[in-house]
């Protein structure tokens, strides 16, 4: 068995674990070397060349690695060598709590409509503002808007446009992640009753990235989807 300086004096349990991982990985990869980064066997890096496509390789080793109690991650160095990092422990996605996403979405709709109304209420809003009022007093403006709900209609175009772009952007990430069979949450919108009315939205990946192609596809899907709705 090939050993690096980091594991020459490894105990038998360490050697046995590495041997099992190498055996599983050897079916899809020509292994040149391995390094134990966090002894005894918490993080192990295998370097070599894949003998099958990266997606097929990850699919084959993931089941075997998790049976051994490890989570694999596949990447590539600048010199073209493939790297499989085995991290001790298994990532088990927790159930999604979509009620949180819904509550945050409702709060963000409210905050963006309020901000949109104060920005674009125009004459409809101006006639309710006292002549000596401080135009920068957002609390006072929000109070006026809430006292006259009909004014909220002027903020809807702003809110729908902004949330439409954000929502489509995040759903682009979400849909592509599901296409790659990655565990992912629905978008979390972040309300903020000042500035734009929101700090944006995020999704959270709950399973490991298989390879760079999956990472690229999920990453680029959001901007492309958002651009498709932003231009019109």
C-alpha atoms as a PDB file:
ATOM      1  CA  UNK A   1       0.000   0.000   0.000  1.00  0.00           C
ATOM      2  CA  UNK A   2       1.336   3.430  -0.926  1.00  0.00           C
ATOM      3  CA  UNK A   3       1.779   5.702   2.097  1.00  0.00           C
ATOM      4  CA  UNK A   4       2.598   9.365   2.480  1.00  0.00           C
ATOM      5  CA  UNK A   5       4.945  10.706   5.194  1.00  0.00           C
ATOM      6  CA  UNK A   6       1.812  11.724   7.101  1.00  0.00           C
ATOM      7  CA  UNK A   7       0.682   8.144   7.631  1.00  0.00           C
ATOM      8  CA  UNK A   8       3.810   5.963   7.740  1.00  0.00           C
ATOM      9  CA  UNK A   9       3.302   5.451  11.466  1.00  0.00           C
ATOM     10  CA  UNK A  10      -0.471   5.170  11.296  1.00  0.00           C
ATOM     11  CA  UNK A  11      -2.070   2.608  13.633  1.00  0.00           C
ATOM     12  CA  UNK A  12      -3.689  -0.534  12.145  1.00  0.00           C
ATOM     13  CA  UNK A  13      -7.179   0.957  12.434  1.00  0.00           C
ATOM     14  CA  UNK A  14      -6.098   3.890  10.271  1.00  0.00           C
ATOM     15  CA  UNK A  15      -4.505   1.631   7.668  1.00  0.00           C
ATOM     16  CA  UNK A  16      -7.606  -0.545   7.550  1.00  0.00           C
ATOM     17  CA  UNK A  17      -9.876   2.462   6.996  1.00  0.00           C
ATOM     18  CA  UNK A  18      -7.657   3.854   4.242  1.00  0.00           C
ATOM     19  CA  UNK A  19      -7.495   0.414   2.630  1.00  0.00           C
ATOM     20  CA  UNK A  20     -11.292   0.150   2.493  1.00  0.00           C
ATOM     21  CA  UNK A  21     -11.618   3.644   1.023  1.00  0.00           C
ATOM     22  CA  UNK A  22      -8.877   2.982  -1.541  1.00  0.00           C
ATOM     23  CA  UNK A  23     -10.569  -0.260  -2.529  1.00  0.00           C
ATOM     24  CA  UNK A  24     -13.884   1.514  -3.154  1.00  0.00           C
ATOM     25  CA  UNK A  25     -12.246   4.412  -4.980  1.00  0.00           C
ATOM     26  CA  UNK A  26      -9.975   2.162  -7.033  1.00  0.00           C
ATOM     27  CA  UNK A  27     -12.978   1.006  -9.068  1.00  0.00           C
ATOM     28  CA  UNK A  28     -13.329   4.471 -10.639  1.00  0.00           C
ATOM     29  CA  UNK A  29      -9.925   6.075 -10.138  1.00  0.00           C
ATOM     30  CA  UNK A  30      -6.259   5.333 -10.723  1.00  0.00           C
ATOM     31  CA  UNK A  31      -4.935   6.414  -7.310  1.00  0.00           C
ATOM     32  CA  UNK A  32      -1.432   7.892  -7.277  1.00  0.00           C
ATOM     33  CA  UNK A  33      -1.167   8.914  -3.641  1.00  0.00           C
ATOM     34  CA  UNK A  34      -3.155   9.808  -0.559  1.00  0.00           C
ATOM     35  CA  UNK A  35      -2.601  12.166   2.349  1.00  0.00           C
ATOM     36  CA  UNK A  36      -4.226  12.136   5.780  1.00  0.00           C
ATOM     37  CA  UNK A  37      -4.786  15.796   6.605  1.00  0.00           C
ATOM     38  CA  UNK A  38      -6.521  15.423   9.972  1.00  0.00           C
ATOM     39  CA  UNK A  39      -5.262  12.305  11.742  1.00  0.00           C
ATOM     40  CA  UNK A  40      -6.089   9.698  12.648  1.00  0.00           C
ATOM     41  CA  UNK A  41      -8.584   9.378   9.763  1.00  0.00           C
ATOM     42  CA  UNK A  42     -10.873  12.421   9.803  1.00  0.00           C
ATOM     43  CA  UNK A  43      -9.927  13.941   6.421  1.00  0.00           C
ATOM     44  CA  UNK A  44      -8.182  11.910   3.724  1.00  0.00           C
ATOM     45  CA  UNK A  45      -7.235  13.254   0.288  1.00  0.00           C
ATOM     46  CA  UNK A  46      -6.783  10.855  -2.639  1.00  0.00           C
ATOM     47  CA  UNK A  47      -5.023  12.106  -5.777  1.00  0.00           C
ATOM     48  CA  UNK A  48      -5.077  10.446  -9.199  1.00  0.00           C
ATOM     49  CA  UNK A  49      -6.984  10.184 -12.460  1.00  0.00           C
ATOM     50  CA  UNK A  50     -10.604   9.143 -12.848  1.00  0.00           C
ATOM     51  CA  UNK A  51     -11.255   6.214 -15.163  1.00  0.00           C
ATOM     52  CA  UNK A  52     -14.944   7.117 -15.657  1.00  0.00           C
ATOM     53  CA  UNK A  53     -16.909  10.364 -15.937  1.00  0.00           C
ATOM     54  CA  UNK A  54     -16.978  12.440 -12.737  1.00  0.00           C
ATOM     55  CA  UNK A  55     -20.735  12.139 -12.213  1.00  0.00           C
ATOM     56  CA  UNK A  56     -20.627   8.378 -12.628  1.00  0.00           C
ATOM     57  CA  UNK A  57     -17.594   8.191 -10.350  1.00  0.00           C
ATOM     58  CA  UNK A  58     -19.255  10.176  -7.583  1.00  0.00           C
ATOM     59  CA  UNK A  59     -22.405   8.108  -7.819  1.00  0.00           C
ATOM     60  CA  UNK A  60     -20.433   4.881  -7.421  1.00  0.00           C
ATOM     61  CA  UNK A  61     -18.221   5.944  -4.549  1.00  0.00           C
ATOM     62  CA  UNK A  62     -20.827   7.912  -2.591  1.00  0.00           C
ATOM     63  CA  UNK A  63     -22.765   4.848  -1.470  1.00  0.00           C
ATOM     64  CA  UNK A  64     -19.635   2.908  -0.531  1.00  0.00           C
ATOM     65  CA  UNK A  65     -17.998   5.850   1.257  1.00  0.00           C
ATOM     66  CA  UNK A  66     -21.115   6.573   3.305  1.00  0.00           C
ATOM     67  CA  UNK A  67     -21.304   2.903   4.280  1.00  0.00           C
ATOM     68  CA  UNK A  68     -17.815   3.383   5.717  1.00  0.00           C
ATOM     69  CA  UNK A  69     -18.908   6.568   7.500  1.00  0.00           C
ATOM     70  CA  UNK A  70     -17.345   9.104   5.110  1.00  0.00           C
ATOM     71  CA  UNK A  71     -18.656  11.837   2.838  1.00  0.00           C
ATOM     72  CA  UNK A  72     -16.718  12.252  -0.449  1.00  0.00           C
ATOM     73  CA  UNK A  73     -16.073  15.466  -2.375  1.00  0.00           C
ATOM     74  CA  UNK A  74     -14.645  15.447  -5.895  1.00  0.00           C
ATOM     75  CA  UNK A  75     -12.542  18.263  -7.373  1.00  0.00           C
ATOM     76  CA  UNK A  76      -9.636  18.826  -9.775  1.00  0.00           C
ATOM     77  CA  UNK A  77      -6.250  20.522  -9.413  1.00  0.00           C
ATOM     78  CA  UNK A  78      -4.805  23.031 -11.858  1.00  0.00           C
ATOM     79  CA  UNK A  79      -2.461  20.347 -13.204  1.00  0.00           C
ATOM     80  CA  UNK A  80      -5.421  18.178 -14.203  1.00  0.00           C
ATOM     81  CA  UNK A  81      -5.143  15.685 -11.351  1.00  0.00           C
ATOM     82  CA  UNK A  82      -8.456  14.683  -9.758  1.00  0.00           C
ATOM     83  CA  UNK A  83      -8.853  14.820  -5.997  1.00  0.00           C
ATOM     84  CA  UNK A  84     -11.323  12.935  -3.853  1.00  0.00           C
ATOM     85  CA  UNK A  85     -11.533  14.243  -0.297  1.00  0.00           C
ATOM     86  CA  UNK A  86     -13.084  11.840   2.212  1.00  0.00           C
ATOM     87  CA  UNK A  87     -14.447  13.627   5.296  1.00  0.00           C
ATOM     88  CA  UNK A  88     -15.351  11.510   8.295  1.00  0.00           C
ATOM     89  CA  UNK A  89     -19.057  11.806   9.009  1.00  0.00           C
ATOM     90  CA  UNK A  90     -22.160  11.640   6.847  1.00  0.00           C
ATOM     91  CA  UNK A  91     -24.166  14.654   5.721  1.00  0.00           C
ATOM     92  CA  UNK A  92     -27.812  13.814   6.290  1.00  0.00           C
ATOM     93  CA  UNK A  93     -30.193  16.530   5.006  1.00  0.00           C
ATOM     94  CA  UNK A  94     -32.725  17.668   7.587  1.00  0.00           C
ATOM     95  CA  UNK A  95     -36.392  18.084   6.606  1.00  0.00           C
ATOM     96  CA  UNK A  96     -37.341  21.464   5.144  1.00  0.00           C
ATOM     97  CA  UNK A  97     -39.563  23.736   7.236  1.00  0.00           C
ATOM     98  CA  UNK A  98     -41.348  25.636   4.491  1.00  0.00           C
ATOM     99  CA  UNK A  99     -43.380  27.660   7.001  1.00  0.00           C
ATOM    100  CA  UNK A 100     -40.265  29.734   7.695  1.00  0.00           C
ATOM    101  CA  UNK A 101     -39.849  30.462   3.978  1.00  0.00           C
ATOM    102  CA  UNK A 102     -43.509  31.503   3.719  1.00  0.00           C
ATOM    103  CA  UNK A 103     -43.356  33.838   6.735  1.00  0.00           C
ATOM    104  CA  UNK A 104     -40.199  35.524   5.440  1.00  0.00           C
ATOM    105  CA  UNK A 105     -41.764  35.897   1.983  1.00  0.00           C
ATOM    106  CA  UNK A 106     -44.866  37.584   3.431  1.00  0.00           C
ATOM    107  CA  UNK A 107     -42.739  39.949   5.533  1.00  0.00           C
ATOM    108  CA  UNK A 108     -40.597  40.772   2.496  1.00  0.00           C
ATOM    109  CA  UNK A 109     -43.683  41.508   0.377  1.00  0.00           C
ATOM    110  CA  UNK A 110     -44.888  43.888   3.089  1.00  0.00           C
ATOM    111  CA  UNK A 111     -41.511  45.623   3.433  1.00  0.00           C
ATOM    112  CA  UNK A 112     -41.010  46.056  -0.324  1.00  0.00           C
ATOM    113  CA  UNK A 113     -44.560  47.340  -0.850  1.00  0.00           C
ATOM    114  CA  UNK A 114     -44.043  49.888   1.944  1.00  0.00           C
ATOM    115  CA  UNK A 115     -40.718  51.036   0.527  1.00  0.00           C
ATOM    116  CA  UNK A 116     -42.137  51.096  -3.001  1.00  0.00           C
ATOM    117  CA  UNK A 117     -45.029  53.261  -1.841  1.00  0.00           C
ATOM    118  CA  UNK A 118     -42.750  55.782  -0.105  1.00  0.00           C
ATOM    119  CA  UNK A 119     -40.530  55.942  -3.190  1.00  0.00           C
ATOM    120  CA  UNK A 120     -43.184  56.008  -5.897  1.00  0.00           C
ATOM    121  CA  UNK A 121     -46.361  57.150  -4.150  1.00  0.00           C
ATOM    122  CA  UNK A 122     -46.066  60.480  -5.947  1.00  0.00           C
ATOM    123  CA  UNK A 123     -48.925  62.939  -5.672  1.00  0.00           C
ATOM    124  CA  UNK A 124     -51.209  60.365  -4.045  1.00  0.00           C
ATOM    125  CA  UNK A 125     -48.811  60.147  -1.102  1.00  0.00           C
ATOM    126  CA  UNK A 126     -47.774  63.808  -1.108  1.00  0.00           C
ATOM    127  CA  UNK A 127     -51.263  65.117  -0.339  1.00  0.00           C
ATOM    128  CA  UNK A 128     -51.282  63.227   2.959  1.00  0.00           C
ATOM    129  CA  UNK A 129     -47.878  64.545   4.083  1.00  0.00           C
ATOM    130  CA  UNK A 130     -47.973  67.754   6.195  1.00  0.00           C
ATOM    131  CA  UNK A 131     -46.117  70.704   4.693  1.00  0.00           C
ATOM    132  CA  UNK A 132     -43.626  70.847   7.589  1.00  0.00           C
ATOM    133  CA  UNK A 133     -43.024  67.078   7.706  1.00  0.00           C
ATOM    134  CA  UNK A 134     -39.520  65.627   7.502  1.00  0.00           C
ATOM    135  CA  UNK A 135     -39.341  63.819   4.150  1.00  0.00           C
ATOM    136  CA  UNK A 136     -36.601  61.577   5.556  1.00  0.00           C
ATOM    137  CA  UNK A 137     -38.698  60.326   8.482  1.00  0.00           C
ATOM    138  CA  UNK A 138     -39.490  56.820   7.278  1.00  0.00           C
ATOM    139  CA  UNK A 139     -41.520  55.936  10.349  1.00  0.00           C
ATOM    140  CA  UNK A 140     -43.802  58.896   9.715  1.00  0.00           C
ATOM    141  CA  UNK A 141     -44.135  57.966   6.037  1.00  0.00           C
ATOM    142  CA  UNK A 142     -44.905  54.350   6.922  1.00  0.00           C
ATOM    143  CA  UNK A 143     -47.497  55.577   9.408  1.00  0.00           C
ATOM    144  CA  UNK A 144     -49.195  57.661   6.715  1.00  0.00           C
ATOM    145  CA  UNK A 145     -49.172  54.739   4.282  1.00  0.00           C
ATOM    146  CA  UNK A 146     -50.604  52.318   6.839  1.00  0.00           C
ATOM    147  CA  UNK A 147     -53.307  54.842   7.731  1.00  0.00           C
ATOM    148  CA  UNK A 148     -54.338  55.036   4.072  1.00  0.00           C
ATOM    149  CA  UNK A 149     -54.060  51.460   2.699  1.00  0.00           C
ATOM    150  CA  UNK A 150     -55.159  52.554  -0.775  1.00  0.00           C
ATOM    151  CA  UNK A 151     -51.715  54.114  -1.168  1.00  0.00           C
ATOM    152  CA  UNK A 152     -50.134  50.647  -1.109  1.00  0.00           C
ATOM    153  CA  UNK A 153     -51.309  50.074  -4.683  1.00  0.00           C
ATOM    154  CA  UNK A 154     -48.649  52.518  -5.879  1.00  0.00           C
ATOM    155  CA  UNK A 155     -45.941  50.360  -4.298  1.00  0.00           C
ATOM    156  CA  UNK A 156     -47.070  47.081  -5.841  1.00  0.00           C
ATOM    157  CA  UNK A 157     -45.289  47.494  -9.219  1.00  0.00           C
ATOM    158  CA  UNK A 158     -41.979  48.103  -7.435  1.00  0.00           C
ATOM    159  CA  UNK A 159     -42.451  45.159  -5.060  1.00  0.00           C
ATOM    160  CA  UNK A 160     -43.582  42.735  -7.758  1.00  0.00           C
ATOM    161  CA  UNK A 161     -40.724  43.698 -10.065  1.00  0.00           C
ATOM    162  CA  UNK A 162     -38.030  43.392  -7.402  1.00  0.00           C
ATOM    163  CA  UNK A 163     -39.360  40.172  -5.880  1.00  0.00           C
ATOM    164  CA  UNK A 164     -39.986  38.719  -9.322  1.00  0.00           C
ATOM    165  CA  UNK A 165     -36.331  39.155 -10.276  1.00  0.00           C
ATOM    166  CA  UNK A 166     -35.095  37.847  -6.913  1.00  0.00           C
ATOM    167  CA  UNK A 167     -37.552  34.960  -6.867  1.00  0.00           C
ATOM    168  CA  UNK A 168     -36.789  33.765 -10.394  1.00  0.00           C
ATOM    169  CA  UNK A 169     -33.051  34.078  -9.689  1.00  0.00           C
ATOM    170  CA  UNK A 170     -33.253  31.873  -6.586  1.00  0.00           C
ATOM    171  CA  UNK A 171     -35.662  29.420  -8.215  1.00  0.00           C
ATOM    172  CA  UNK A 172     -33.119  29.014 -11.004  1.00  0.00           C
ATOM    173  CA  UNK A 173     -30.655  27.756  -8.386  1.00  0.00           C
ATOM    174  CA  UNK A 174     -33.354  25.630  -6.758  1.00  0.00           C
ATOM    175  CA  UNK A 175     -34.632  23.936  -9.920  1.00  0.00           C
ATOM    176  CA  UNK A 176     -31.126  23.162 -11.183  1.00  0.00           C
ATOM    177  CA  UNK A 177     -30.158  21.743  -7.787  1.00  0.00           C
ATOM    178  CA  UNK A 178     -33.196  19.452  -7.858  1.00  0.00           C
ATOM    179  CA  UNK A 179     -32.340  18.398 -11.421  1.00  0.00           C
ATOM    180  CA  UNK A 180     -28.948  17.325 -10.069  1.00  0.00           C
ATOM    181  CA  UNK A 181     -30.741  15.495  -7.225  1.00  0.00           C
ATOM    182  CA  UNK A 182     -29.144  17.745  -4.617  1.00  0.00           C
ATOM    183  CA  UNK A 183     -30.974  18.417  -1.348  1.00  0.00           C
ATOM    184  CA  UNK A 184     -31.823  22.121  -1.218  1.00  0.00           C
ATOM    185  CA  UNK A 185     -34.197  24.492   0.544  1.00  0.00           C
ATOM    186  CA  UNK A 186     -36.725  26.829  -1.022  1.00  0.00           C
ATOM    187  CA  UNK A 187     -35.605  30.503  -1.135  1.00  0.00           C
ATOM    188  CA  UNK A 188     -35.338  32.418   2.122  1.00  0.00           C
ATOM    189  CA  UNK A 189     -36.292  36.065   1.465  1.00  0.00           C
ATOM    190  CA  UNK A 190     -34.803  38.649   3.830  1.00  0.00           C
ATOM    191  CA  UNK A 191     -37.131  41.579   4.659  1.00  0.00           C
ATOM    192  CA  UNK A 192     -35.729  45.030   5.445  1.00  0.00           C
ATOM    193  CA  UNK A 193     -38.088  48.053   5.766  1.00  0.00           C
ATOM    194  CA  UNK A 194     -35.439  50.509   4.543  1.00  0.00           C
ATOM    195  CA  UNK A 195     -33.332  50.875   1.424  1.00  0.00           C
ATOM    196  CA  UNK A 196     -34.659  48.481  -1.227  1.00  0.00           C
ATOM    197  CA  UNK A 197     -37.098  46.820   1.166  1.00  0.00           C
ATOM    198  CA  UNK A 198     -35.147  43.561   1.191  1.00  0.00           C
ATOM    199  CA  UNK A 199     -31.603  42.293   1.589  1.00  0.00           C
ATOM    200  CA  UNK A 200     -32.198  39.686  -1.105  1.00  0.00           C
ATOM    201  CA  UNK A 201     -32.869  35.976  -0.922  1.00  0.00           C
ATOM    202  CA  UNK A 202     -30.826  32.821  -0.493  1.00  0.00           C
ATOM    203  CA  UNK A 203     -31.215  29.066  -0.775  1.00  0.00           C
ATOM    204  CA  UNK A 204     -29.219  26.530   1.219  1.00  0.00           C
ATOM    205  CA  UNK A 205     -27.671  23.372  -0.180  1.00  0.00           C
ATOM    206  CA  UNK A 206     -28.093  20.514   2.282  1.00  0.00           C
ATOM    207  CA  UNK A 207     -26.078  17.830   0.508  1.00  0.00           C
ATOM    208  CA  UNK A 208     -22.465  17.754  -0.712  1.00  0.00           C
ATOM    209  CA  UNK A 209     -21.563  19.031  -4.178  1.00  0.00           C
ATOM    210  CA  UNK A 210     -20.685  16.079  -6.405  1.00  0.00           C
ATOM    211  CA  UNK A 211     -18.304  17.794  -8.797  1.00  0.00           C
ATOM    212  CA  UNK A 212     -17.426  21.094 -10.458  1.00  0.00           C
ATOM    213  CA  UNK A 213     -20.021  20.616 -13.209  1.00  0.00           C
ATOM    214  CA  UNK A 214     -22.794  20.382 -10.645  1.00  0.00           C
ATOM    215  CA  UNK A 215     -21.421  23.423  -8.818  1.00  0.00           C
ATOM    216  CA  UNK A 216     -21.219  25.408 -12.073  1.00  0.00           C
ATOM    217  CA  UNK A 217     -24.700  24.405 -13.247  1.00  0.00           C
ATOM    218  CA  UNK A 218     -26.352  25.318  -9.944  1.00  0.00           C
ATOM    219  CA  UNK A 219     -24.368  28.536  -9.634  1.00  0.00           C
ATOM    220  CA  UNK A 220     -24.990  29.863 -13.148  1.00  0.00           C
ATOM    221  CA  UNK A 221     -28.676  28.900 -13.298  1.00  0.00           C
ATOM    222  CA  UNK A 222     -29.670  31.693 -10.899  1.00  0.00           C
ATOM    223  CA  UNK A 223     -28.141  34.664 -12.762  1.00  0.00           C
ATOM    224  CA  UNK A 224     -29.351  33.361 -16.121  1.00  0.00           C
ATOM    225  CA  UNK A 225     -32.915  32.903 -14.853  1.00  0.00           C
ATOM    226  CA  UNK A 226     -32.871  36.306 -13.138  1.00  0.00           C
ATOM    227  CA  UNK A 227     -31.547  37.965 -16.281  1.00  0.00           C
ATOM    228  CA  UNK A 228     -34.333  36.411 -18.338  1.00  0.00           C
ATOM    229  CA  UNK A 229     -36.955  38.167 -16.189  1.00  0.00           C
ATOM    230  CA  UNK A 230     -34.954  41.330 -15.459  1.00  0.00           C
ATOM    231  CA  UNK A 231     -34.551  42.380 -19.115  1.00  0.00           C
ATOM    232  CA  UNK A 232     -38.304  42.402 -19.929  1.00  0.00           C
END
